[in-house]
Structure formats: structure tokens, C-alpha cells
């Protein structure tokens, strides 16, 4: 299950505010400014609730530590999901990224209700 933080085809960089009571979804702030993507993103973006990339654990091969955030999900289905929507997803693969020197896993997935969910078993099945 994933929680959608950013609806596809939108620009504001939203995320679960893990340090605020109730963990609301809020626009990310960096250096005192609200963050936006340069253009709309072409997927739904969210996270696995109650997961965490541990900043005290070093990845044995990449030699970087977790980013202290929930595990990210990139949902590539056809439907724009509402912010805050909880959806059952099918994991297709994972991508380890290093962002500002921290490990930031991206789980590639598709909504189980998407028409293509039955055809896709891994990222290798996704058309470019």
C-alpha cells in the first residue's frame, strides 16, 4: 500500500511532514523556500507508510546512509491519484539513488487497479 503525496502532472514538491504532529502532507521547504519541480511530473509519487530509511545504517556497497524519510514510491499507472489517497500497488522494481549524499530508494510500482497491472511483472515489462 502507498500513500500518494504528489499527484501526477502537478509541480509542487509535497511530502509527509514526519516532524509535524499527525504527519500531514505539506509542501517541502528548502532553504526557506517552497519547493516545486521544474515541470509537472509524469507519475504519482508517494511513500510506503511506516517505513524509514535509517540514517545510522550505511549501505554496504554504496557507502551512503539512509535519508531519514519513508521509502519513496513512483507509481506509473495511467490514473492521477488524489493527494493522500491510499492505494494497493504492485512493486515492479527499485532504484537506489544518492541525493545530497544520502541513500534515497525509489520503488517503481503500478496501482493494482490499473489496466496494465496484470501485464507488468517487472520494470523490464514497461515500455520506454
Foldseek 3Di string as FASTA:
>chain_A
DWAFLAWFFFWFQWAQPVVDPPRDIDFDDDPRHGGTHPGTHHFTKTADPPAFFAQVDADPPVRAGAPGGGAMETANADDTDDHGDDADWAFAAKDWDQDPRHTHIYTYIYGCPGPCNVVGRHPVSDDD
